[in-house]
Amino acid sequence: MSTGTIIAGAFKGAALVTEVTLLASQQAACLTPQGLTSASGPTTVTITRV
């Protein structure tokens, strides 16, 4: 989860929360020298006005 404050535009001053869920479908790749090279999943962005 990441949080911050929007510094420009229509939502300037509002709080921002971003949550990313990474889905690693090839967990066995973590055991290889190359490792897991990519992962993807849904992202939720929440903006609340101050």
PDB file of N, CA and C in Angstrom:
ATOM      1  N   MET A   1       0.843  -1.161   0.000  1.00  0.00           N
ATOM      2  CA  MET A   1       0.000   0.000   0.000  1.00  0.00           C
ATOM      3  C   MET A   1       0.898   1.236   0.000  1.00  0.00           C
ATOM      4  N   SER A   2       0.513   2.223  -0.781  1.00  0.00           N
ATOM      5  CA  SER A   2       1.215   3.501  -0.824  1.00  0.00           C
ATOM      6  C   SER A   2       0.222   4.609  -0.506  1.00  0.00           C
ATOM      7  N   THR A   3       0.692   5.629   0.183  1.00  0.00           N
ATOM      8  CA  THR A   3      -0.171   6.770   0.496  1.00  0.00           C
ATOM      9  C   THR A   3       0.553   8.060   0.139  1.00  0.00           C
ATOM     10  N   GLY A   4      -0.205   9.092  -0.086  1.00  0.00           N
ATOM     11  CA  GLY A   4       0.391  10.378  -0.386  1.00  0.00           C
ATOM     12  C   GLY A   4      -0.675  11.457  -0.488  1.00  0.00           C
ATOM     13  N   THR A   5      -0.245  12.623  -0.893  1.00  0.00           N
ATOM     14  CA  THR A   5      -1.134  13.763  -1.073  1.00  0.00           C
ATOM     15  C   THR A   5      -1.004  14.260  -2.503  1.00  0.00           C
ATOM     16  N   ILE A   6      -2.107  14.496  -3.148  1.00  0.00           N
ATOM     17  CA  ILE A   6      -2.101  15.013  -4.513  1.00  0.00           C
ATOM     18  C   ILE A   6      -1.667  16.465  -4.464  1.00  0.00           C
ATOM     19  N   ILE A   7      -0.692  16.837  -5.311  1.00  0.00           N
ATOM     20  CA  ILE A   7      -0.106  18.176  -5.223  1.00  0.00           C
ATOM     21  C   ILE A   7      -0.534  19.134  -6.337  1.00  0.00           C
ATOM     22  N   ALA A   8      -1.299  18.654  -7.325  1.00  0.00           N
ATOM     23  CA  ALA A   8      -1.738  19.545  -8.392  1.00  0.00           C
ATOM     24  C   ALA A   8      -3.022  19.016  -9.019  1.00  0.00           C
ATOM     25  N   GLY A   9      -3.758  19.895  -9.663  1.00  0.00           N
ATOM     26  CA  GLY A   9      -4.957  19.496 -10.380  1.00  0.00           C
ATOM     27  C   GLY A   9      -6.218  19.610  -9.553  1.00  0.00           C
ATOM     28  N   ALA A  10      -7.283  19.025 -10.075  1.00  0.00           N
ATOM     29  CA  ALA A  10      -8.604  19.149  -9.460  1.00  0.00           C
ATOM     30  C   ALA A  10      -8.678  18.562  -8.050  1.00  0.00           C
ATOM     31  N   PHE A  11      -7.841  17.578  -7.756  1.00  0.00           N
ATOM     32  CA  PHE A  11      -7.875  16.926  -6.448  1.00  0.00           C
ATOM     33  C   PHE A  11      -6.723  17.371  -5.548  1.00  0.00           C
ATOM     34  N   LYS A  12      -6.120  18.513  -5.842  1.00  0.00           N
ATOM     35  CA  LYS A  12      -5.000  19.020  -5.044  1.00  0.00           C
ATOM     36  C   LYS A  12      -5.363  19.068  -3.559  1.00  0.00           C
ATOM     37  N   GLY A  13      -4.474  18.507  -2.727  1.00  0.00           N
ATOM     38  CA  GLY A  13      -4.689  18.488  -1.288  1.00  0.00           C
ATOM     39  C   GLY A  13      -5.405  17.246  -0.783  1.00  0.00           C
ATOM     40  N   ALA A  14      -5.970  16.454  -1.688  1.00  0.00           N
ATOM     41  CA  ALA A  14      -6.680  15.239  -1.286  1.00  0.00           C
ATOM     42  C   ALA A  14      -5.682  14.132  -0.965  1.00  0.00           C
ATOM     43  N   ALA A  15      -6.107  13.212  -0.107  1.00  0.00           N
ATOM     44  CA  ALA A  15      -5.284  12.052   0.234  1.00  0.00           C
ATOM     45  C   ALA A  15      -5.463  10.985  -0.842  1.00  0.00           C
ATOM     46  N   LEU A  16      -4.386  10.262  -1.129  1.00  0.00           N
ATOM     47  CA  LEU A  16      -4.396   9.206  -2.126  1.00  0.00           C
ATOM     48  C   LEU A  16      -3.861   7.926  -1.495  1.00  0.00           C
ATOM     49  N   VAL A  17      -4.585   6.836  -1.684  1.00  0.00           N
ATOM     50  CA  VAL A  17      -4.143   5.524  -1.210  1.00  0.00           C
ATOM     51  C   VAL A  17      -4.166   4.582  -2.408  1.00  0.00           C
ATOM     52  N   THR A  18      -3.052   3.920  -2.676  1.00  0.00           N
ATOM     53  CA  THR A  18      -2.957   2.959  -3.770  1.00  0.00           C
ATOM     54  C   THR A  18      -2.615   1.596  -3.188  1.00  0.00           C
ATOM     55  N   GLU A  19      -3.388   0.600  -3.560  1.00  0.00           N
ATOM     56  CA  GLU A  19      -3.141  -0.767  -3.096  1.00  0.00           C
ATOM     57  C   GLU A  19      -3.029  -1.682  -4.308  1.00  0.00           C
ATOM     58  N   VAL A  20      -1.912  -2.394  -4.401  1.00  0.00           N
ATOM     59  CA  VAL A  20      -1.650  -3.294  -5.518  1.00  0.00           C
ATOM     60  C   VAL A  20      -1.578  -4.723  -4.989  1.00  0.00           C
ATOM     61  N   THR A  21      -2.300  -5.619  -5.631  1.00  0.00           N
ATOM     62  CA  THR A  21      -2.251  -7.036  -5.281  1.00  0.00           C
ATOM     63  C   THR A  21      -1.544  -7.762  -6.412  1.00  0.00           C
ATOM     64  N   LEU A  22      -0.335  -8.266  -6.161  1.00  0.00           N
ATOM     65  CA  LEU A  22       0.415  -8.972  -7.186  1.00  0.00           C
ATOM     66  C   LEU A  22       0.111 -10.456  -7.126  1.00  0.00           C
ATOM     67  N   LEU A  23      -0.220 -11.016  -8.272  1.00  0.00           N
ATOM     68  CA  LEU A  23      -0.554 -12.425  -8.363  1.00  0.00           C
ATOM     69  C   LEU A  23       0.604 -13.154  -9.041  1.00  0.00           C
ATOM     70  N   ALA A  24       1.366 -13.885  -8.286  1.00  0.00           N
ATOM     71  CA  ALA A  24       2.505 -14.635  -8.821  1.00  0.00           C
ATOM     72  C   ALA A  24       2.025 -16.040  -9.181  1.00  0.00           C
ATOM     73  N   SER A  25       1.776 -16.270 -10.462  1.00  0.00           N
ATOM     74  CA  SER A  25       1.242 -17.557 -10.890  1.00  0.00           C
ATOM     75  C   SER A  25       2.330 -18.605 -11.066  1.00  0.00           C
ATOM     76  N   GLN A  26       3.593 -18.189 -11.082  1.00  0.00           N
ATOM     77  CA  GLN A  26       4.699 -19.129 -11.275  1.00  0.00           C
ATOM     78  C   GLN A  26       5.657 -19.042 -10.088  1.00  0.00           C
ATOM     79  N   GLN A  27       5.187 -19.444  -8.932  1.00  0.00           N
ATOM     80  CA  GLN A  27       5.989 -19.321  -7.714  1.00  0.00           C
ATOM     81  C   GLN A  27       7.282 -20.129  -7.781  1.00  0.00           C
ATOM     82  N   ALA A  28       7.313 -21.220  -8.534  1.00  0.00           N
ATOM     83  CA  ALA A  28       8.522 -22.040  -8.648  1.00  0.00           C
ATOM     84  C   ALA A  28       9.660 -21.253  -9.292  1.00  0.00           C
ATOM     85  N   ALA A  29       9.333 -20.193 -10.040  1.00  0.00           N
ATOM     86  CA  ALA A  29      10.364 -19.365 -10.669  1.00  0.00           C
ATOM     87  C   ALA A  29      11.242 -18.688  -9.620  1.00  0.00           C
ATOM     88  N   CYS A  30      10.731 -18.512  -8.418  1.00  0.00           N
ATOM     89  CA  CYS A  30      11.518 -17.901  -7.342  1.00  0.00           C
ATOM     90  C   CYS A  30      12.731 -18.755  -6.980  1.00  0.00           C
ATOM     91  N   LEU A  31      12.684 -20.020  -7.314  1.00  0.00           N
ATOM     92  CA  LEU A  31      13.770 -20.939  -6.975  1.00  0.00           C
ATOM     93  C   LEU A  31      14.830 -21.025  -8.075  1.00  0.00           C
ATOM     94  N   THR A  32      14.636 -20.337  -9.192  1.00  0.00           N
ATOM     95  CA  THR A  32      15.588 -20.381 -10.299  1.00  0.00           C
ATOM     96  C   THR A  32      16.553 -19.202 -10.199  1.00  0.00           C
ATOM     97  N   PRO A  33      17.729 -19.295 -10.854  1.00  0.00           N
ATOM     98  CA  PRO A  33      18.675 -18.170 -10.829  1.00  0.00           C
ATOM     99  C   PRO A  33      18.086 -16.863 -11.391  1.00  0.00           C
ATOM    100  N   GLN A  34      17.213 -16.983 -12.387  1.00  0.00           N
ATOM    101  CA  GLN A  34      16.594 -15.795 -12.990  1.00  0.00           C
ATOM    102  C   GLN A  34      15.562 -15.172 -12.055  1.00  0.00           C
ATOM    103  N   GLY A  35      14.902 -16.010 -11.259  1.00  0.00           N
ATOM    104  CA  GLY A  35      13.884 -15.510 -10.344  1.00  0.00           C
ATOM    105  C   GLY A  35      12.571 -15.219 -11.041  1.00  0.00           C
ATOM    106  N   LEU A  36      11.658 -14.667 -10.319  1.00  0.00           N
ATOM    107  CA  LEU A  36      10.358 -14.272 -10.852  1.00  0.00           C
ATOM    108  C   LEU A  36      10.538 -12.948 -11.577  1.00  0.00           C
ATOM    109  N   THR A  37      10.279 -12.935 -12.870  1.00  0.00           N
ATOM    110  CA  THR A  37      10.556 -11.735 -13.665  1.00  0.00           C
ATOM    111  C   THR A  37       9.359 -10.815 -13.853  1.00  0.00           C
ATOM    112  N   SER A  38       8.160 -11.295 -13.559  1.00  0.00           N
ATOM    113  CA  SER A  38       6.999 -10.416 -13.684  1.00  0.00           C
ATOM    114  C   SER A  38       5.859 -10.939 -12.822  1.00  0.00           C
ATOM    115  N   ALA A  39       4.982 -10.032 -12.474  1.00  0.00           N
ATOM    116  CA  ALA A  39       3.767 -10.361 -11.744  1.00  0.00           C
ATOM    117  C   ALA A  39       2.745  -9.283 -12.076  1.00  0.00           C
ATOM    118  N   SER A  40       1.496  -9.625 -12.038  1.00  0.00           N
ATOM    119  CA  SER A  40       0.462  -8.637 -12.332  1.00  0.00           C
ATOM    120  C   SER A  40      -0.736  -8.879 -11.437  1.00  0.00           C
ATOM    121  N   GLY A  41      -1.612  -7.914 -11.399  1.00  0.00           N
ATOM    122  CA  GLY A  41      -2.815  -8.046 -10.596  1.00  0.00           C
ATOM    123  C   GLY A  41      -3.564  -6.729 -10.516  1.00  0.00           C
ATOM    124  N   PRO A  42      -4.681  -6.733  -9.827  1.00  0.00           N
ATOM    125  CA  PRO A  42      -5.521  -5.540  -9.744  1.00  0.00           C
ATOM    126  C   PRO A  42      -4.909  -4.445  -8.869  1.00  0.00           C
ATOM    127  N   THR A  43      -5.239  -3.212  -9.209  1.00  0.00           N
ATOM    128  CA  THR A  43      -4.808  -2.042  -8.449  1.00  0.00           C
ATOM    129  C   THR A  43      -6.044  -1.251  -8.030  1.00  0.00           C
ATOM    130  N   THR A  44      -6.090  -0.840  -6.777  1.00  0.00           N
ATOM    131  CA  THR A  44      -7.179  -0.011  -6.275  1.00  0.00           C
ATOM    132  C   THR A  44      -6.603   1.342  -5.874  1.00  0.00           C
ATOM    133  N   VAL A  45      -7.188   2.402  -6.413  1.00  0.00           N
ATOM    134  CA  VAL A  45      -6.774   3.770  -6.078  1.00  0.00           C
ATOM    135  C   VAL A  45      -7.943   4.456  -5.405  1.00  0.00           C
ATOM    136  N   THR A  46      -7.715   5.008  -4.213  1.00  0.00           N
ATOM    137  CA  THR A  46      -8.754   5.719  -3.472  1.00  0.00           C
ATOM    138  C   THR A  46      -8.319   7.151  -3.264  1.00  0.00           C
ATOM    139  N   ILE A  47      -9.182   8.086  -3.665  1.00  0.00           N
ATOM    140  CA  ILE A  47      -8.915   9.520  -3.464  1.00  0.00           C
ATOM    141  C   ILE A  47      -9.997  10.052  -2.545  1.00  0.00           C
ATOM    142  N   THR A  48      -9.566  10.714  -1.473  1.00  0.00           N
ATOM    143  CA  THR A  48     -10.525  11.313  -0.550  1.00  0.00           C
ATOM    144  C   THR A  48     -10.258  12.811  -0.465  1.00  0.00           C
ATOM    145  N   ARG A  49     -11.284  13.577  -0.573  1.00  0.00           N
ATOM    146  CA  ARG A  49     -11.129  15.041  -0.486  1.00  0.00           C
ATOM    147  C   ARG A  49     -10.815  15.464   0.936  1.00  0.00           C
ATOM    148  N   VAL A  50     -10.057  16.521   1.045  1.00  0.00           N
ATOM    149  CA  VAL A  50      -9.698  17.064   2.352  1.00  0.00           C
ATOM    150  C   VAL A  50     -10.758  18.043   2.792  1.00  0.00           C
TER     151      VAL A  50
END
